[in-house]
Amino acid sequence: MFKKGSTLYSIFRFKCPHCHEGDFYVDNNPYNLMKVGDIRDKCSVCHRKFMPEPGFYYGAMYVSYALGVTVMVTAYVATIVLFPSATTGVAVTVVLASLLVMGPLLYALSKTIYAGLFMPYKGVEPTEKELSSRAERAERAQRAAAVKS
């Protein structure tokens, strides 16, 4: 459906936004309520972190809100169009039921969409920038160890 390398591929398959191969969530089933929304610390394939900074995924609340409004409007319009004689209570019940059923999926999608917006596809192999920053960190660690001894 979507090609590897596109942001939509990683979003809808719940894959690593960096390499599109490793799993993003501890359990890819969003309806496993014990582990819903639990992301891995880093990708099992490319070993890049999923948490660039503390509180990064708070922004996913806005994405979740937009998805929730979309589901509410869609459910309401579908109810009115398919059942024109439905009362307001029936329409509200359908909207609430659709949000209840879709809630875990929307929560999972909101995190992958947010990650996809800010973490570009890089492939499995480390980029030149990542290699140079690793070398710099290793060099700093060696200097710090030399100073201590």
Protein backbone atom coordinates (compact mmCIF):
# COMPACT_ATOMS: atom_id res chain seq x y z
CA MET A 1 0.00 0.00 0.00
CA PHE A 2 2.62 2.57 1.07
CA LYS A 3 6.26 2.33 0.03
CA LYS A 4 9.04 2.00 2.55
CA GLY A 5 10.72 5.37 2.91
CA SER A 6 7.44 7.28 3.03
CA THR A 7 6.23 8.71 6.31
CA LEU A 8 2.83 7.06 5.87
CA TYR A 9 4.53 3.65 5.74
CA SER A 10 5.97 4.05 9.24
CA ILE A 11 2.79 5.64 10.60
CA PHE A 12 0.29 2.99 9.58
CA ARG A 13 2.60 0.02 10.15
CA PHE A 14 3.78 1.34 13.55
CA LYS A 15 7.41 1.13 12.45
CA CYS A 16 10.52 3.09 13.40
CA PRO A 17 10.31 6.58 11.84
CA HIS A 18 14.07 6.52 11.18
CA CYS A 19 14.55 3.20 9.34
CA HIS A 20 10.96 1.91 8.81
CA GLU A 21 12.01 -1.60 9.85
CA GLY A 22 12.02 -1.89 13.65
CA ASP A 23 8.82 -1.84 15.71
CA PHE A 24 7.85 1.49 17.32
CA TYR A 25 5.66 0.05 20.08
CA VAL A 26 6.35 -2.66 22.64
CA ASP A 27 3.17 -4.36 21.35
CA ASN A 28 1.89 -3.30 17.91
CA ASN A 29 -1.70 -4.21 18.85
CA PRO A 30 -3.24 -0.92 20.03
CA TYR A 31 -6.08 -2.82 21.70
CA ASN A 32 -3.74 -4.52 24.19
CA LEU A 33 -4.73 -2.08 26.90
CA MET A 34 -1.95 -3.16 29.27
CA LYS A 35 0.70 -1.86 26.85
CA VAL A 36 -1.13 0.69 24.72
CA GLY A 37 1.14 3.61 23.90
CA ASP A 38 4.28 2.02 25.36
CA ILE A 39 7.03 2.89 22.90
CA ARG A 40 10.44 1.25 22.82
CA ASP A 41 13.46 3.21 24.04
CA LYS A 42 15.24 2.73 20.73
CA CYS A 43 14.83 0.87 17.46
CA SER A 44 15.87 -2.79 17.47
CA VAL A 45 17.23 -2.44 13.91
CA CYS A 46 18.94 0.97 13.57
CA HIS A 47 19.37 1.61 17.34
CA ARG A 48 18.22 5.24 17.12
CA LYS A 49 16.28 6.69 20.05
CA PHE A 50 12.54 7.30 19.84
CA MET A 51 12.57 9.92 22.62
CA PRO A 52 14.62 12.91 21.41
CA GLU A 53 13.90 14.87 24.59
CA PRO A 54 11.82 14.49 27.77
CA GLY A 55 8.15 15.28 27.17
CA PHE A 56 8.51 15.05 23.39
CA TYR A 57 5.22 13.17 22.92
CA TYR A 58 3.12 15.76 24.76
CA GLY A 59 2.65 17.34 21.35
CA ALA A 60 0.92 14.16 20.22
CA MET A 61 -2.08 15.27 22.31
CA TYR A 62 -2.87 17.86 19.66
CA VAL A 63 -2.71 15.21 16.95
CA SER A 64 -4.95 12.96 19.04
CA TYR A 65 -7.42 15.81 19.48
CA ALA A 66 -7.56 16.39 15.71
CA LEU A 67 -8.06 12.67 15.06
CA GLY A 68 -10.81 12.53 17.70
CA VAL A 69 -12.65 15.48 16.19
CA THR A 70 -12.38 13.85 12.76
CA VAL A 71 -13.89 10.62 14.07
CA MET A 72 -16.66 12.52 15.89
CA VAL A 73 -17.64 14.53 12.82
CA THR A 74 -17.47 11.49 10.56
CA ALA A 75 -19.62 9.39 12.91
CA TYR A 76 -22.16 12.18 13.33
CA VAL A 77 -22.45 12.90 9.60
CA ALA A 78 -22.66 9.18 8.79
CA THR A 79 -25.46 8.76 11.33
CA ILE A 80 -27.43 11.71 9.97
CA VAL A 81 -26.97 10.66 6.33
CA LEU A 82 -27.61 6.93 6.78
CA PHE A 83 -30.41 7.30 9.33
CA PRO A 84 -32.16 10.64 8.69
CA SER A 85 -34.88 9.90 11.23
CA ALA A 86 -32.37 9.22 14.04
CA THR A 87 -32.80 11.32 17.15
CA THR A 88 -30.07 13.45 18.65
CA GLY A 89 -29.62 10.89 21.43
CA VAL A 90 -28.92 8.16 18.87
CA ALA A 91 -26.39 10.37 17.07
CA VAL A 92 -24.61 11.20 20.33
CA THR A 93 -24.56 7.50 21.29
CA VAL A 94 -23.03 6.57 17.93
CA VAL A 95 -20.39 9.31 18.28
CA LEU A 96 -19.47 8.26 21.82
CA ALA A 97 -19.38 4.56 20.88
CA SER A 98 -17.14 5.27 17.89
CA LEU A 99 -14.74 7.27 20.08
CA LEU A 100 -14.70 4.52 22.68
CA VAL A 101 -13.95 1.84 20.09
CA MET A 102 -11.42 3.91 18.14
CA GLY A 103 -9.72 5.46 21.21
CA PRO A 104 -6.74 3.10 21.57
CA LEU A 105 -6.07 3.18 17.82
CA LEU A 106 -6.24 6.99 17.75
CA TYR A 107 -3.84 7.16 20.70
CA ALA A 108 -1.32 4.91 18.95
CA LEU A 109 -1.70 6.72 15.64
CA SER A 110 -1.23 10.12 17.27
CA LYS A 111 2.21 9.13 18.61
CA THR A 112 3.38 7.65 15.31
CA ILE A 113 2.08 10.65 13.36
CA TYR A 114 3.86 13.04 15.73
CA ALA A 115 7.09 11.04 15.52
CA GLY A 116 6.78 10.93 11.74
CA LEU A 117 6.50 14.72 11.61
CA PHE A 118 9.75 15.33 13.50
CA MET A 119 11.89 12.25 12.81
CA PRO A 120 12.81 11.93 9.12
CA TYR A 121 13.59 8.68 7.33
CA LYS A 122 17.35 8.01 7.42
CA GLY A 123 17.66 4.33 6.54
CA VAL A 124 19.23 1.59 8.62
CA GLU A 125 22.88 2.64 8.32
CA PRO A 126 24.10 5.58 10.45
CA THR A 127 24.39 8.89 8.63
CA GLU A 128 27.64 10.86 8.40
CA LYS A 129 26.37 13.29 11.04
CA GLU A 130 25.54 10.42 13.43
CA LEU A 131 28.94 8.81 12.88
CA SER A 132 30.77 12.08 13.53
CA SER A 133 28.75 12.77 16.70
CA ARG A 134 29.50 9.25 17.98
CA ALA A 135 33.20 9.79 17.31
CA GLU A 136 33.08 13.14 19.12
CA ARG A 137 31.38 11.56 22.15
CA ALA A 138 33.95 8.77 22.24
CA GLU A 139 36.77 11.31 22.00
CA ARG A 140 35.31 13.38 24.86
CA ALA A 141 34.95 10.24 26.98
CA GLN A 142 38.61 9.36 26.35
CA ARG A 143 39.71 12.88 27.32
CA ALA A 144 37.61 12.76 30.49
CA ALA A 145 39.09 9.37 31.41
CA ALA A 146 42.62 10.71 30.77
CA VAL A 147 42.00 13.74 33.02
CA LYS A 148 40.71 11.53 35.85
CA SER A 149 43.80 9.30 35.80
